[in-house]
Amino acid sequence: MAEIDEAAVLIRAKALAAQDGFTWDIDFSSLPEGGSTFRGLRFLSENRRREYLARARTELLEQLGDT
């Protein structure tokens, strides 16, 4: 069975979530001085994160099989 890099799975999962309009995590280092609101952002539950990780893993394995 082909091995895939877990870092690549995470990158793909975050990209898939972003395509669907979800924010994977909060980056407090990029907030402007004085703070910001999170209104309008949609965050993922742990279950949804696992779903995106599984979907990303499946897509990457399929790509490996196509090469």
PDB file of N, CA and C in Angstrom:
ATOM      1  N   MET A   1       0.833  -1.178   0.000  1.00  0.00           N
ATOM      2  CA  MET A   1       0.000   0.000   0.000  1.00  0.00           C
ATOM      3  C   MET A   1       0.881   1.246   0.000  1.00  0.00           C
ATOM      4  N   ALA A   2       0.511   2.238  -0.756  1.00  0.00           N
ATOM      5  CA  ALA A   2       1.281   3.458  -0.876  1.00  0.00           C
ATOM      6  C   ALA A   2       1.208   4.277   0.411  1.00  0.00           C
ATOM      7  N   GLU A   3       2.330   4.907   0.736  1.00  0.00           N
ATOM      8  CA  GLU A   3       2.401   5.767   1.914  1.00  0.00           C
ATOM      9  C   GLU A   3       2.233   7.217   1.479  1.00  0.00           C
ATOM     10  N   ILE A   4       1.525   7.976   2.300  1.00  0.00           N
ATOM     11  CA  ILE A   4       1.397   9.405   2.022  1.00  0.00           C
ATOM     12  C   ILE A   4       1.887  10.180   3.227  1.00  0.00           C
ATOM     13  N   ASP A   5       2.365  11.357   2.974  1.00  0.00           N
ATOM     14  CA  ASP A   5       2.899  12.232   4.000  1.00  0.00           C
ATOM     15  C   ASP A   5       1.742  12.884   4.758  1.00  0.00           C
ATOM     16  N   GLU A   6       1.750  12.765   6.084  1.00  0.00           N
ATOM     17  CA  GLU A   6       0.667  13.323   6.899  1.00  0.00           C
ATOM     18  C   GLU A   6       0.612  14.840   6.802  1.00  0.00           C
ATOM     19  N   ALA A   7       1.758  15.482   6.578  1.00  0.00           N
ATOM     20  CA  ALA A   7       1.760  16.940   6.394  1.00  0.00           C
ATOM     21  C   ALA A   7       1.002  17.310   5.123  1.00  0.00           C
ATOM     22  N   ALA A   8       1.163  16.503   4.077  1.00  0.00           N
ATOM     23  CA  ALA A   8       0.437  16.746   2.832  1.00  0.00           C
ATOM     24  C   ALA A   8      -1.061  16.544   3.028  1.00  0.00           C
ATOM     25  N   VAL A   9      -1.434  15.576   3.845  1.00  0.00           N
ATOM     26  CA  VAL A   9      -2.848  15.337   4.142  1.00  0.00           C
ATOM     27  C   VAL A   9      -3.438  16.558   4.839  1.00  0.00           C
ATOM     28  N   LEU A  10      -2.716  17.092   5.819  1.00  0.00           N
ATOM     29  CA  LEU A  10      -3.204  18.258   6.549  1.00  0.00           C
ATOM     30  C   LEU A  10      -3.337  19.467   5.633  1.00  0.00           C
ATOM     31  N   ILE A  11      -2.362  19.688   4.787  1.00  0.00           N
ATOM     32  CA  ILE A  11      -2.423  20.810   3.843  1.00  0.00           C
ATOM     33  C   ILE A  11      -3.625  20.665   2.927  1.00  0.00           C
ATOM     34  N   ARG A  12      -3.843  19.462   2.401  1.00  0.00           N
ATOM     35  CA  ARG A  12      -4.978  19.222   1.514  1.00  0.00           C
ATOM     36  C   ARG A  12      -6.302  19.398   2.256  1.00  0.00           C
ATOM     37  N   ALA A  13      -6.381  18.889   3.490  1.00  0.00           N
ATOM     38  CA  ALA A  13      -7.609  19.006   4.275  1.00  0.00           C
ATOM     39  C   ALA A  13      -7.946  20.471   4.549  1.00  0.00           C
ATOM     40  N   LYS A  14      -6.949  21.265   4.886  1.00  0.00           N
ATOM     41  CA  LYS A  14      -7.184  22.691   5.129  1.00  0.00           C
ATOM     42  C   LYS A  14      -7.658  23.395   3.858  1.00  0.00           C
ATOM     43  N   ALA A  15      -7.086  23.022   2.728  1.00  0.00           N
ATOM     44  CA  ALA A  15      -7.493  23.619   1.457  1.00  0.00           C
ATOM     45  C   ALA A  15      -8.931  23.237   1.112  1.00  0.00           C
ATOM     46  N   LEU A  16      -9.285  21.986   1.334  1.00  0.00           N
ATOM     47  CA  LEU A  16     -10.661  21.543   1.065  1.00  0.00           C
ATOM     48  C   LEU A  16     -11.655  22.276   1.960  1.00  0.00           C
ATOM     49  N   ALA A  17     -11.307  22.425   3.227  1.00  0.00           N
ATOM     50  CA  ALA A  17     -12.178  23.145   4.161  1.00  0.00           C
ATOM     51  C   ALA A  17     -12.336  24.604   3.730  1.00  0.00           C
ATOM     52  N   ALA A  18     -11.243  25.230   3.321  1.00  0.00           N
ATOM     53  CA  ALA A  18     -11.302  26.622   2.877  1.00  0.00           C
ATOM     54  C   ALA A  18     -12.180  26.762   1.638  1.00  0.00           C
ATOM     55  N   GLN A  19     -12.102  25.802   0.714  1.00  0.00           N
ATOM     56  CA  GLN A  19     -12.957  25.827  -0.474  1.00  0.00           C
ATOM     57  C   GLN A  19     -14.428  25.790  -0.099  1.00  0.00           C
ATOM     58  N   ASP A  20     -14.734  25.101   0.991  1.00  0.00           N
ATOM     59  CA  ASP A  20     -16.111  24.984   1.454  1.00  0.00           C
ATOM     60  C   ASP A  20     -16.515  26.128   2.381  1.00  0.00           C
ATOM     61  N   GLY A  21     -15.607  27.083   2.593  1.00  0.00           N
ATOM     62  CA  GLY A  21     -15.925  28.260   3.389  1.00  0.00           C
ATOM     63  C   GLY A  21     -15.694  28.125   4.880  1.00  0.00           C
ATOM     64  N   PHE A  22     -14.881  27.145   5.288  1.00  0.00           N
ATOM     65  CA  PHE A  22     -14.605  26.943   6.708  1.00  0.00           C
ATOM     66  C   PHE A  22     -13.213  27.436   7.066  1.00  0.00           C
ATOM     67  N   THR A  23     -13.072  27.912   8.299  1.00  0.00           N
ATOM     68  CA  THR A  23     -11.791  28.302   8.856  1.00  0.00           C
ATOM     69  C   THR A  23     -11.292  27.145   9.698  1.00  0.00           C
ATOM     70  N   TRP A  24     -10.090  26.655   9.406  1.00  0.00           N
ATOM     71  CA  TRP A  24      -9.552  25.492  10.109  1.00  0.00           C
ATOM     72  C   TRP A  24      -9.182  25.852  11.543  1.00  0.00           C
ATOM     73  N   ASP A  25      -8.437  26.950  11.705  1.00  0.00           N
ATOM     74  CA  ASP A  25      -8.048  27.367  13.047  1.00  0.00           C
ATOM     75  C   ASP A  25      -7.843  28.874  13.073  1.00  0.00           C
ATOM     76  N   ILE A  26      -7.666  29.414  14.252  1.00  0.00           N
ATOM     77  CA  ILE A  26      -7.503  30.851  14.421  1.00  0.00           C
ATOM     78  C   ILE A  26      -6.018  31.159  14.518  1.00  0.00           C
ATOM     79  N   ASP A  27      -5.574  32.135  13.744  1.00  0.00           N
ATOM     80  CA  ASP A  27      -4.193  32.591  13.798  1.00  0.00           C
ATOM     81  C   ASP A  27      -4.178  33.941  14.505  1.00  0.00           C
ATOM     82  N   PHE A  28      -3.946  33.918  15.804  1.00  0.00           N
ATOM     83  CA  PHE A  28      -3.977  35.153  16.578  1.00  0.00           C
ATOM     84  C   PHE A  28      -2.812  36.076  16.242  1.00  0.00           C
ATOM     85  N   SER A  29      -1.769  35.555  15.640  1.00  0.00           N
ATOM     86  CA  SER A  29      -0.618  36.395  15.315  1.00  0.00           C
ATOM     87  C   SER A  29      -0.926  37.382  14.199  1.00  0.00           C
ATOM     88  N   SER A  30      -1.962  37.127  13.413  1.00  0.00           N
ATOM     89  CA  SER A  30      -2.264  38.013  12.287  1.00  0.00           C
ATOM     90  C   SER A  30      -3.371  39.019  12.597  1.00  0.00           C
ATOM     91  N   LEU A  31      -3.846  39.060  13.845  1.00  0.00           N
ATOM     92  CA  LEU A  31      -4.887  40.014  14.200  1.00  0.00           C
ATOM     93  C   LEU A  31      -4.311  41.424  14.270  1.00  0.00           C
ATOM     94  N   PRO A  32      -5.068  42.419  13.786  1.00  0.00           N
ATOM     95  CA  PRO A  32      -4.582  43.793  13.888  1.00  0.00           C
ATOM     96  C   PRO A  32      -4.550  44.251  15.349  1.00  0.00           C
ATOM     97  N   GLU A  33      -3.751  45.268  15.629  1.00  0.00           N
ATOM     98  CA  GLU A  33      -3.689  45.788  16.988  1.00  0.00           C
ATOM     99  C   GLU A  33      -5.077  46.267  17.399  1.00  0.00           C
ATOM    100  N   GLY A  34      -5.469  45.970  18.590  1.00  0.00           N
ATOM    101  CA  GLY A  34      -6.808  46.327  19.046  1.00  0.00           C
ATOM    102  C   GLY A  34      -7.790  45.190  18.877  1.00  0.00           C
ATOM    103  N   GLY A  35      -7.343  44.101  18.234  1.00  0.00           N
ATOM    104  CA  GLY A  35      -8.204  42.927  18.090  1.00  0.00           C
ATOM    105  C   GLY A  35      -9.086  42.976  16.856  1.00  0.00           C
ATOM    106  N   SER A  36      -9.955  42.031  16.793  1.00  0.00           N
ATOM    107  CA  SER A  36     -10.844  41.880  15.649  1.00  0.00           C
ATOM    108  C   SER A  36     -12.023  41.022  16.071  1.00  0.00           C
ATOM    109  N   THR A  37     -13.043  41.033  15.263  1.00  0.00           N
ATOM    110  CA  THR A  37     -14.183  40.160  15.540  1.00  0.00           C
ATOM    111  C   THR A  37     -14.065  38.926  14.664  1.00  0.00           C
ATOM    112  N   PHE A  38     -14.762  37.896  15.063  1.00  0.00           N
ATOM    113  CA  PHE A  38     -14.771  36.659  14.299  1.00  0.00           C
ATOM    114  C   PHE A  38     -16.109  36.459  13.614  1.00  0.00           C
ATOM    115  N   ARG A  39     -16.870  37.512  13.524  1.00  0.00           N
ATOM    116  CA  ARG A  39     -18.184  37.436  12.905  1.00  0.00           C
ATOM    117  C   ARG A  39     -18.053  36.977  11.452  1.00  0.00           C
ATOM    118  N   GLY A  40     -18.868  36.040  11.083  1.00  0.00           N
ATOM    119  CA  GLY A  40     -18.885  35.552   9.712  1.00  0.00           C
ATOM    120  C   GLY A  40     -17.964  34.377   9.438  1.00  0.00           C
ATOM    121  N   LEU A  41     -17.086  34.055  10.374  1.00  0.00           N
ATOM    122  CA  LEU A  41     -16.197  32.915  10.171  1.00  0.00           C
ATOM    123  C   LEU A  41     -16.895  31.637  10.603  1.00  0.00           C
ATOM    124  N   ARG A  42     -16.686  30.577   9.853  1.00  0.00           N
ATOM    125  CA  ARG A  42     -17.263  29.272  10.183  1.00  0.00           C
ATOM    126  C   ARG A  42     -16.128  28.334  10.533  1.00  0.00           C
ATOM    127  N   PHE A  43     -16.152  27.833  11.763  1.00  0.00           N
ATOM    128  CA  PHE A  43     -15.103  26.944  12.247  1.00  0.00           C
ATOM    129  C   PHE A  43     -15.577  25.505  12.225  1.00  0.00           C
ATOM    130  N   LEU A  44     -14.622  24.597  12.189  1.00  0.00           N
ATOM    131  CA  LEU A  44     -14.915  23.167  12.119  1.00  0.00           C
ATOM    132  C   LEU A  44     -14.884  22.519  13.502  1.00  0.00           C
ATOM    133  N   SER A  45     -15.800  21.606  13.727  1.00  0.00           N
ATOM    134  CA  SER A  45     -15.745  20.777  14.922  1.00  0.00           C
ATOM    135  C   SER A  45     -14.669  19.715  14.704  1.00  0.00           C
ATOM    136  N   GLU A  46     -14.310  19.020  15.761  1.00  0.00           N
ATOM    137  CA  GLU A  46     -13.315  17.956  15.632  1.00  0.00           C
ATOM    138  C   GLU A  46     -13.798  16.860  14.685  1.00  0.00           C
ATOM    139  N   ASN A  47     -15.076  16.547  14.739  1.00  0.00           N
ATOM    140  CA  ASN A  47     -15.613  15.524  13.824  1.00  0.00           C
ATOM    141  C   ASN A  47     -15.495  15.969  12.375  1.00  0.00           C
ATOM    142  N   ARG A  48     -15.799  17.227  12.103  1.00  0.00           N
ATOM    143  CA  ARG A  48     -15.691  17.722  10.722  1.00  0.00           C
ATOM    144  C   ARG A  48     -14.239  17.770  10.270  1.00  0.00           C
ATOM    145  N   ARG A  49     -13.322  18.101  11.185  1.00  0.00           N
ATOM    146  CA  ARG A  49     -11.902  18.079  10.821  1.00  0.00           C
ATOM    147  C   ARG A  49     -11.478  16.676  10.422  1.00  0.00           C
ATOM    148  N   ARG A  50     -11.914  15.679  11.194  1.00  0.00           N
ATOM    149  CA  ARG A  50     -11.573  14.290  10.864  1.00  0.00           C
ATOM    150  C   ARG A  50     -12.143  13.902   9.495  1.00  0.00           C
ATOM    151  N   GLU A  51     -13.349  14.393   9.188  1.00  0.00           N
ATOM    152  CA  GLU A  51     -13.946  14.105   7.882  1.00  0.00           C
ATOM    153  C   GLU A  51     -13.107  14.702   6.757  1.00  0.00           C
ATOM    154  N   TYR A  52     -12.655  15.938   6.933  1.00  0.00           N
ATOM    155  CA  TYR A  52     -11.812  16.568   5.913  1.00  0.00           C
ATOM    156  C   TYR A  52     -10.467  15.863   5.790  1.00  0.00           C
ATOM    157  N   LEU A  53      -9.899  15.432   6.910  1.00  0.00           N
ATOM    158  CA  LEU A  53      -8.634  14.700   6.865  1.00  0.00           C
ATOM    159  C   LEU A  53      -8.792  13.378   6.115  1.00  0.00           C
ATOM    160  N   ALA A  54      -9.891  12.687   6.360  1.00  0.00           N
ATOM    161  CA  ALA A  54     -10.144  11.417   5.665  1.00  0.00           C
ATOM    162  C   ALA A  54     -10.346  11.657   4.173  1.00  0.00           C
ATOM    163  N   ARG A  55     -11.083  12.713   3.846  1.00  0.00           N
ATOM    164  CA  ARG A  55     -11.321  13.037   2.430  1.00  0.00           C
ATOM    165  C   ARG A  55     -10.013  13.385   1.729  1.00  0.00           C
ATOM    166  N   ALA A  56      -9.170  14.165   2.403  1.00  0.00           N
ATOM    167  CA  ALA A  56      -7.872  14.541   1.826  1.00  0.00           C
ATOM    168  C   ALA A  56      -6.989  13.319   1.640  1.00  0.00           C
ATOM    169  N   ARG A  57      -6.968  12.433   2.635  1.00  0.00           N
ATOM    170  CA  ARG A  57      -6.159  11.214   2.549  1.00  0.00           C
ATOM    171  C   ARG A  57      -6.607  10.357   1.362  1.00  0.00           C
ATOM    172  N   THR A  58      -7.921  10.222   1.199  1.00  0.00           N
ATOM    173  CA  THR A  58      -8.467   9.446   0.093  1.00  0.00           C
ATOM    174  C   THR A  58      -8.065  10.051  -1.250  1.00  0.00           C
ATOM    175  N   GLU A  59      -8.189  11.373  -1.376  1.00  0.00           N
ATOM    176  CA  GLU A  59      -7.825  12.036  -2.635  1.00  0.00           C
ATOM    177  C   GLU A  59      -6.341  11.845  -2.952  1.00  0.00           C
ATOM    178  N   LEU A  60      -5.491  11.988  -1.935  1.00  0.00           N
ATOM    179  CA  LEU A  60      -4.057  11.821  -2.175  1.00  0.00           C
ATOM    180  C   LEU A  60      -3.717  10.389  -2.557  1.00  0.00           C
ATOM    181  N   LEU A  61      -4.345   9.416  -1.921  1.00  0.00           N
ATOM    182  CA  LEU A  61      -4.111   8.015  -2.287  1.00  0.00           C
ATOM    183  C   LEU A  61      -4.576   7.727  -3.708  1.00  0.00           C
ATOM    184  N   GLU A  62      -5.685   8.311  -4.110  1.00  0.00           N
ATOM    185  CA  GLU A  62      -6.160   8.143  -5.478  1.00  0.00           C
ATOM    186  C   GLU A  62      -5.176   8.739  -6.475  1.00  0.00           C
ATOM    187  N   GLN A  63      -4.599   9.900  -6.130  1.00  0.00           N
ATOM    188  CA  GLN A  63      -3.617  10.520  -7.004  1.00  0.00           C
ATOM    189  C   GLN A  63      -2.372   9.642  -7.131  1.00  0.00           C
ATOM    190  N   LEU A  64      -1.956   9.023  -6.031  1.00  0.00           N
ATOM    191  CA  LEU A  64      -0.803   8.122  -6.086  1.00  0.00           C
ATOM    192  C   LEU A  64      -1.075   6.928  -6.979  1.00  0.00           C
ATOM    193  N   GLY A  65      -2.305   6.454  -6.941  1.00  0.00           N
ATOM    194  CA  GLY A  65      -2.685   5.307  -7.772  1.00  0.00           C
ATOM    195  C   GLY A  65      -2.742   5.647  -9.244  1.00  0.00           C
ATOM    196  N   ASP A  66      -2.977   6.937  -9.569  1.00  0.00           N
ATOM    197  CA  ASP A  66      -3.074   7.366 -10.964  1.00  0.00           C
ATOM    198  C   ASP A  66      -1.705   7.584 -11.602  1.00  0.00           C
ATOM    199  N   THR A  67      -0.661   7.699 -10.782  1.00  0.00           N
ATOM    200  CA  THR A  67       0.667   7.994 -11.362  1.00  0.00           C
ATOM    201  C   THR A  67       1.396   6.748 -11.752  1.00  0.00           C
TER     202      THR A  67
END
